[in-house]
């Protein structure tokens, strides 16, 4: 299956390569399914990988104030503990 850089595929390709798409989503991708070049559905993970969430939080908090960092650290700890 040709991998589309924009992660958009047509409906026929989605039906043909369903198992491959599920694997890609499990690996962290989001796939948009289009019908007649119009996005109609998105396949996303049920629960994002913790590593990705923590990485996004750390990237987001770069350059933020101390108060915001304390809040984000608290949220990060809750995510790591499975509270979210």
Foldseek 3Di string as FASTA:
>chain_A
DDDDPVLEDEPVVCVVCVVVVVVVQVVPDKHFYDYPNHTDDIDHDPDGDLVVVLVVLVVVCVPPDPVVVVVSVVVNVCVVVVVD
